[in-house]
């Protein structure tokens, strides 16, 4: 226990990664309120939106409006996902603190989804990373399918190291290792993380886990044992997995906070407020929250 980090940084990706696949139209008012509530709960980093073509992700078409209207708190990092230079220009105009670029650790996934190799996909982000750093914006990279791919199956740690090196080369400052389809287990997770740590310092590596097979919390604990202290989570477990029909998506922020606080690890985040946010946004979406600890705490709070 003494070897675990004393403090963990949580990046709530619910407003972007969580909401982007929702079929129902979500008003900008709701998105703004979600970000503002997360800010008020004590998050130091929030992934707000993405600047992608509305043709591909219509849910994020109001990203510029949302970024303009949120109430920013000094010291909080408000990040956006960008796919290209046009997206970067939108992020710059919106005064984003950080841009997020992405690439898969699976060659099959890269070819199937964007018709190019992993190396080609990362190289496309070079001008984005350079421009962002020139404007004083932090650059974070996400390595998707780092523990498994819906097309090729197993993904080797060497593939994670390969993508991490490519990202480092174009100027990415922090890399997130993402189990996009949620198939990872603790030992495989540690191997993938070790691969990324061969390229980046431990403070510049984070974990992003989906809970499709119920392994997300176990995988986060495996990362904590290694000293990794930054994780992406999504309030109420927002965000289904598009490659596993009916499966849950991102690990719920409430569940991760319950684990961390139970371990005596500081986060600076008010769990009670996060539970309330999760219940509220789930109500807006017309369903129950995908957060076991969150739902249990909500019942106790109501009683």
Protein backbone atom coordinates (compact mmCIF):
# COMPACT_ATOMS: atom_id res chain seq x y z
CA UNK A 1 0.00 0.00 0.00
CA UNK A 2 2.82 2.40 0.86
CA UNK A 3 4.12 2.18 -2.70
CA UNK A 4 0.87 3.49 -4.23
CA UNK A 5 0.73 7.15 -5.34
CA UNK A 6 -0.43 9.53 -2.61
CA UNK A 7 -2.38 11.63 -5.11
CA UNK A 8 -4.04 10.79 -8.44
CA UNK A 9 -5.12 13.11 -11.24
CA UNK A 10 -8.45 12.28 -12.84
CA UNK A 11 -9.39 13.58 -16.29
CA UNK A 12 -13.15 13.37 -16.73
CA UNK A 13 -13.83 12.62 -20.39
CA UNK A 14 -17.61 12.33 -20.04
CA UNK A 15 -18.49 15.57 -21.85
CA UNK A 16 -16.53 14.48 -24.95
CA UNK A 17 -15.83 10.74 -25.08
CA UNK A 18 -18.94 10.00 -23.04
CA UNK A 19 -21.49 11.98 -25.00
CA UNK A 20 -20.13 11.75 -28.53
CA UNK A 21 -21.86 8.47 -29.39
CA UNK A 22 -25.26 9.40 -27.95
CA UNK A 23 -27.93 9.07 -30.63
CA UNK A 24 -30.29 11.64 -29.11
CA UNK A 25 -29.51 15.33 -29.62
CA UNK A 26 -28.09 16.83 -26.42
CA UNK A 27 -28.54 20.60 -26.08
CA UNK A 28 -25.49 22.80 -25.59
CA UNK A 29 -27.07 23.98 -22.32
CA UNK A 30 -26.77 20.45 -20.91
CA UNK A 31 -23.16 20.07 -22.07
CA UNK A 32 -22.19 23.42 -20.55
CA UNK A 33 -23.88 22.54 -17.26
CA UNK A 34 -22.13 19.17 -17.19
CA UNK A 35 -18.69 20.78 -17.58
CA UNK A 36 -19.51 23.50 -15.03
CA UNK A 37 -20.69 20.92 -12.49
CA UNK A 38 -17.51 18.88 -12.99
CA UNK A 39 -15.44 22.03 -12.48
CA UNK A 40 -17.33 22.74 -9.26
CA UNK A 41 -16.74 19.16 -8.05
CA UNK A 42 -12.98 19.76 -8.07
CA UNK A 43 -11.68 18.21 -11.28
CA UNK A 44 -8.33 19.58 -12.42
CA UNK A 45 -8.81 18.39 -16.00
CA UNK A 46 -11.93 17.96 -18.17
CA UNK A 47 -12.13 16.80 -21.79
CA UNK A 48 -14.84 19.13 -23.02
CA UNK A 49 -15.48 18.49 -26.70
CA UNK A 50 -13.93 17.74 -30.08
CA UNK A 51 -13.41 19.85 -33.17
CA UNK A 52 -14.23 17.27 -35.80
CA UNK A 53 -16.44 17.45 -38.88
CA UNK A 54 -20.14 17.45 -37.88
CA UNK A 55 -20.57 14.99 -40.74
CA UNK A 56 -18.66 12.37 -38.73
CA UNK A 57 -19.59 13.34 -35.16
CA UNK A 58 -22.78 15.44 -35.24
CA UNK A 59 -23.06 15.37 -31.44
CA UNK A 60 -19.97 17.59 -31.15
CA UNK A 61 -21.06 20.18 -33.74
CA UNK A 62 -21.61 22.76 -30.97
CA UNK A 63 -18.08 22.44 -29.55
CA UNK A 64 -17.17 26.08 -30.14
CA UNK A 65 -20.33 27.29 -28.39
CA UNK A 66 -19.78 24.99 -25.43
CA UNK A 67 -16.15 26.12 -25.01
CA UNK A 68 -17.26 29.76 -25.13
CA UNK A 69 -19.96 29.35 -22.49
CA UNK A 70 -18.31 27.16 -19.83
CA UNK A 71 -17.26 28.85 -16.59
CA UNK A 72 -13.53 28.28 -16.39
CA UNK A 73 -11.71 27.95 -13.12
CA UNK A 74 -8.04 29.02 -13.04
CA UNK A 75 -5.73 26.02 -12.97
CA UNK A 76 -8.23 23.62 -14.55
CA UNK A 77 -7.16 22.15 -17.90
CA UNK A 78 -9.97 22.20 -20.47
CA UNK A 79 -8.98 19.93 -23.37
CA UNK A 80 -10.41 19.18 -26.81
CA UNK A 81 -9.86 16.39 -29.32
CA UNK A 82 -8.61 17.50 -32.74
CA UNK A 83 -8.18 15.33 -35.88
CA UNK A 84 -6.39 17.81 -38.15
CA UNK A 85 -5.26 21.44 -38.62
CA UNK A 86 -8.81 22.65 -39.23
CA UNK A 87 -9.76 21.16 -35.88
CA UNK A 88 -6.71 22.78 -34.29
CA UNK A 89 -7.79 26.20 -35.58
CA UNK A 90 -11.12 25.68 -33.87
CA UNK A 91 -9.37 24.65 -30.65
CA UNK A 92 -7.13 27.72 -30.80
CA UNK A 93 -10.08 30.06 -31.34
CA UNK A 94 -11.87 28.39 -28.42
CA UNK A 95 -8.85 28.94 -26.14
CA UNK A 96 -8.42 25.26 -25.29
CA UNK A 97 -5.66 24.56 -22.76
CA UNK A 98 -4.76 21.22 -24.30
CA UNK A 99 -5.30 19.38 -27.58
CA UNK A 100 -5.66 15.62 -27.79
CA UNK A 101 -4.47 13.65 -30.85
CA UNK A 102 -4.95 9.94 -31.32
CA UNK A 103 -3.63 6.82 -32.99
CA UNK A 104 -4.28 3.10 -32.76
CA UNK A 105 -1.79 0.45 -31.65
CA UNK A 106 -3.48 -1.93 -34.10
CA UNK A 107 -2.48 -1.81 -37.76
CA UNK A 108 -5.74 -3.55 -38.70
CA UNK A 109 -7.79 -0.93 -36.83
CA UNK A 110 -5.91 1.92 -38.49
CA UNK A 111 -6.39 0.49 -41.97
CA UNK A 112 -10.04 -0.41 -41.39
CA UNK A 113 -11.04 2.96 -39.92
CA UNK A 114 -8.89 5.57 -41.68
CA UNK A 115 -7.37 3.64 -44.59
CA UNK A 116 -3.76 4.30 -43.69
CA UNK A 117 -0.94 2.83 -41.62
CA UNK A 118 -0.28 3.69 -37.99
CA UNK A 119 2.82 5.66 -38.98
CA UNK A 120 0.89 7.66 -41.60
CA UNK A 121 -1.92 8.39 -39.14
CA UNK A 122 0.47 9.78 -36.51
CA UNK A 123 2.47 11.79 -39.05
CA UNK A 124 -0.70 13.66 -39.96
CA UNK A 125 -0.68 15.13 -36.46
CA UNK A 126 2.84 16.58 -36.70
CA UNK A 127 1.68 20.07 -37.81
CA UNK A 128 -1.06 20.00 -35.14
CA UNK A 129 1.43 19.21 -32.37
CA UNK A 130 3.91 21.81 -33.61
CA UNK A 131 1.28 24.54 -33.90
CA UNK A 132 -0.18 23.74 -30.49
CA UNK A 133 3.18 23.95 -28.75
CA UNK A 134 4.03 27.18 -30.57
CA UNK A 135 0.84 28.65 -29.08
CA UNK A 136 1.61 27.36 -25.58
CA UNK A 137 -0.98 24.59 -25.63
CA UNK A 138 -0.20 21.21 -24.10
CA UNK A 139 -0.35 18.19 -26.44
CA UNK A 140 -1.72 14.87 -25.20
CA UNK A 141 -1.81 11.70 -27.26
CA UNK A 142 -4.19 8.75 -26.93
CA UNK A 143 -3.11 5.26 -27.99
CA UNK A 144 -6.34 3.39 -28.74
CA UNK A 145 -6.74 -0.40 -28.93
CA UNK A 146 -3.63 -0.74 -26.77
CA UNK A 147 -4.75 -4.04 -25.21
CA UNK A 148 -6.91 -5.50 -27.93
CA UNK A 149 -8.48 -4.79 -31.30
CA UNK A 150 -11.95 -5.70 -32.63
CA UNK A 151 -10.35 -6.75 -35.94
CA UNK A 152 -6.98 -8.35 -35.17
CA UNK A 153 -7.54 -9.45 -31.58
CA UNK A 154 -4.44 -9.36 -29.37
CA UNK A 155 -2.20 -6.27 -29.48
CA UNK A 156 1.41 -6.75 -28.36
CA UNK A 157 3.18 -4.35 -25.96
CA UNK A 158 5.73 -3.71 -28.72
CA UNK A 159 2.97 -2.08 -30.75
CA UNK A 160 2.23 0.29 -27.84
CA UNK A 161 5.92 1.22 -27.63
CA UNK A 162 5.98 1.81 -31.39
CA UNK A 163 3.07 4.27 -31.29
CA UNK A 164 4.49 5.98 -28.21
CA UNK A 165 7.79 6.55 -30.04
CA UNK A 166 5.96 7.96 -33.07
CA UNK A 167 4.00 10.32 -30.83
CA UNK A 168 7.12 11.43 -28.98
CA UNK A 169 8.77 12.15 -32.32
CA UNK A 170 6.02 14.55 -33.48
CA UNK A 171 6.01 16.47 -30.18
CA UNK A 172 3.29 14.80 -28.09
CA UNK A 173 4.04 15.59 -24.41
CA UNK A 174 1.84 13.06 -22.60
CA UNK A 175 0.53 9.70 -23.77
CA UNK A 176 -2.57 7.84 -22.62
CA UNK A 177 -2.71 4.06 -23.03
CA UNK A 178 -6.31 3.17 -23.84
CA UNK A 179 -8.07 -0.19 -23.60
CA UNK A 180 -10.72 0.87 -26.11
CA UNK A 181 -12.69 -2.40 -26.13
CA UNK A 182 -12.13 -3.25 -22.47
CA UNK A 183 -10.51 -6.65 -22.93
CA UNK A 184 -7.37 -5.98 -20.87
CA UNK A 185 -6.49 -7.74 -17.60
CA UNK A 186 -3.99 -6.53 -14.98
CA UNK A 187 -0.89 -8.38 -16.20
CA UNK A 188 -1.48 -7.36 -19.83
CA UNK A 189 -2.18 -3.81 -18.66
CA UNK A 190 1.14 -3.63 -16.83
CA UNK A 191 2.97 -4.93 -19.91
CA UNK A 192 1.36 -2.25 -22.10
CA UNK A 193 2.19 0.43 -19.53
CA UNK A 194 5.80 -0.76 -19.28
CA UNK A 195 6.04 -0.38 -23.06
CA UNK A 196 4.87 3.24 -22.88
CA UNK A 197 7.19 3.90 -19.92
CA UNK A 198 10.10 2.89 -22.11
CA UNK A 199 9.42 6.08 -24.07
CA UNK A 200 7.78 8.53 -21.65
CA UNK A 201 8.43 9.46 -18.01
CA UNK A 202 5.95 8.04 -15.52
CA UNK A 203 4.32 11.45 -14.94
CA UNK A 204 3.57 11.63 -18.67
CA UNK A 205 1.76 8.29 -18.98
CA UNK A 206 -1.90 7.74 -18.12
CA UNK A 207 -4.50 4.99 -18.35
CA UNK A 208 -7.87 4.98 -20.11
CA UNK A 209 -9.97 1.89 -19.44
CA UNK A 210 -13.31 0.64 -20.65
CA UNK A 211 -15.24 -1.72 -18.42
CA UNK A 212 -16.66 -4.06 -21.07
CA UNK A 213 -15.38 -7.17 -19.27
CA UNK A 214 -15.53 -5.71 -15.76
CA UNK A 215 -11.74 -5.36 -15.52
CA UNK A 216 -11.31 -1.57 -15.46
CA UNK A 217 -10.87 -1.10 -11.70
CA UNK A 218 -8.49 -4.07 -11.49
CA UNK A 219 -6.47 -2.60 -14.34
CA UNK A 220 -6.35 0.80 -12.67
CA UNK A 221 -5.09 -0.83 -9.46
CA UNK A 222 -2.41 -2.61 -11.49
CA UNK A 223 -1.33 0.78 -12.82
CA UNK A 224 -1.30 2.29 -9.31
CA UNK A 225 1.07 -0.48 -8.24
CA UNK A 226 3.46 0.76 -10.96
CA UNK A 227 3.19 4.36 -9.74
CA UNK A 228 1.01 5.62 -12.59
CA UNK A 229 -1.11 8.44 -11.20
CA UNK A 230 -3.26 9.84 -14.03
CA UNK A 231 -6.42 8.24 -15.38
CA UNK A 232 -9.29 9.09 -17.72
CA UNK A 233 -12.74 8.35 -16.35
CA UNK A 234 -16.29 9.24 -17.35
CA UNK A 235 -18.98 10.43 -14.96
CA UNK A 236 -21.86 7.93 -14.75
CA UNK A 237 -19.87 5.62 -17.04
CA UNK A 238 -21.02 7.66 -20.04
CA UNK A 239 -19.92 6.34 -23.41
CA UNK A 240 -20.84 2.97 -24.81
CA UNK A 241 -18.25 0.84 -26.59
CA UNK A 242 -19.03 1.05 -30.34
CA UNK A 243 -17.21 -2.24 -31.04
CA UNK A 244 -19.06 -4.41 -28.53
CA UNK A 245 -22.80 -4.04 -28.90
CA UNK A 246 -24.58 -3.30 -25.64
CA UNK A 247 -21.36 -3.20 -23.66
CA UNK A 248 -20.54 -0.55 -21.12
CA UNK A 249 -17.94 1.98 -22.11
CA UNK A 250 -15.63 4.18 -20.06
CA UNK A 251 -15.05 3.26 -16.45
CA UNK A 252 -17.31 5.33 -14.20
CA UNK A 253 -15.66 8.24 -12.38
CA UNK A 254 -17.69 7.48 -9.26
CA UNK A 255 -16.37 3.92 -9.07
CA UNK A 256 -12.77 5.02 -9.53
CA UNK A 257 -13.10 7.74 -6.88
CA UNK A 258 -14.61 5.23 -4.45
CA UNK A 259 -11.61 2.96 -5.01
CA UNK A 260 -9.02 5.74 -4.70
CA UNK A 261 -10.55 7.35 -1.63
CA UNK A 262 -10.84 3.91 -0.04
CA UNK A 263 -7.09 3.50 -0.58
CA UNK A 264 -6.44 6.85 1.11
CA UNK A 265 -5.33 8.41 -2.19
CA UNK A 266 -6.09 12.10 -2.61
CA UNK A 267 -7.87 13.38 -5.71
CA UNK A 268 -9.16 16.82 -4.69
CA UNK A 269 -12.58 15.76 -6.02
CA UNK A 270 -15.85 15.70 -4.06
CA UNK A 271 -17.31 12.21 -4.55
CA UNK A 272 -20.75 13.25 -3.30
CA UNK A 273 -20.96 15.98 -5.94
CA UNK A 274 -19.82 13.58 -8.65
CA UNK A 275 -22.50 11.06 -7.64
CA UNK A 276 -25.10 13.83 -7.93
CA UNK A 277 -23.77 14.82 -11.36
CA UNK A 278 -23.91 11.22 -12.53
CA UNK A 279 -27.51 10.81 -11.42
CA UNK A 280 -28.48 14.13 -13.01
CA UNK A 281 -26.92 13.51 -16.43
CA UNK A 282 -28.26 9.95 -16.51
CA UNK A 283 -31.73 11.34 -15.81
CA UNK A 284 -31.33 13.80 -18.68
CA UNK A 285 -30.40 10.88 -20.96
CA UNK A 286 -33.33 8.83 -19.67
CA UNK A 287 -31.46 5.90 -18.19
CA UNK A 288 -29.75 4.60 -15.07
CA UNK A 289 -26.12 5.55 -14.47
CA UNK A 290 -23.50 2.90 -15.34
CA UNK A 291 -21.78 3.44 -11.98
CA UNK A 292 -22.08 0.78 -9.31
CA UNK A 293 -20.62 2.84 -6.47
CA UNK A 294 -22.42 5.91 -7.76
CA UNK A 295 -25.82 4.23 -7.76
CA UNK A 296 -25.27 2.66 -4.34
CA UNK A 297 -24.18 5.98 -2.81
CA UNK A 298 -27.13 7.74 -4.46
CA UNK A 299 -29.55 5.32 -2.76
CA UNK A 300 -27.88 5.97 0.64
CA UNK A 301 -27.97 9.73 0.06
CA UNK A 302 -31.66 9.58 -0.85
CA UNK A 303 -32.40 7.59 2.33
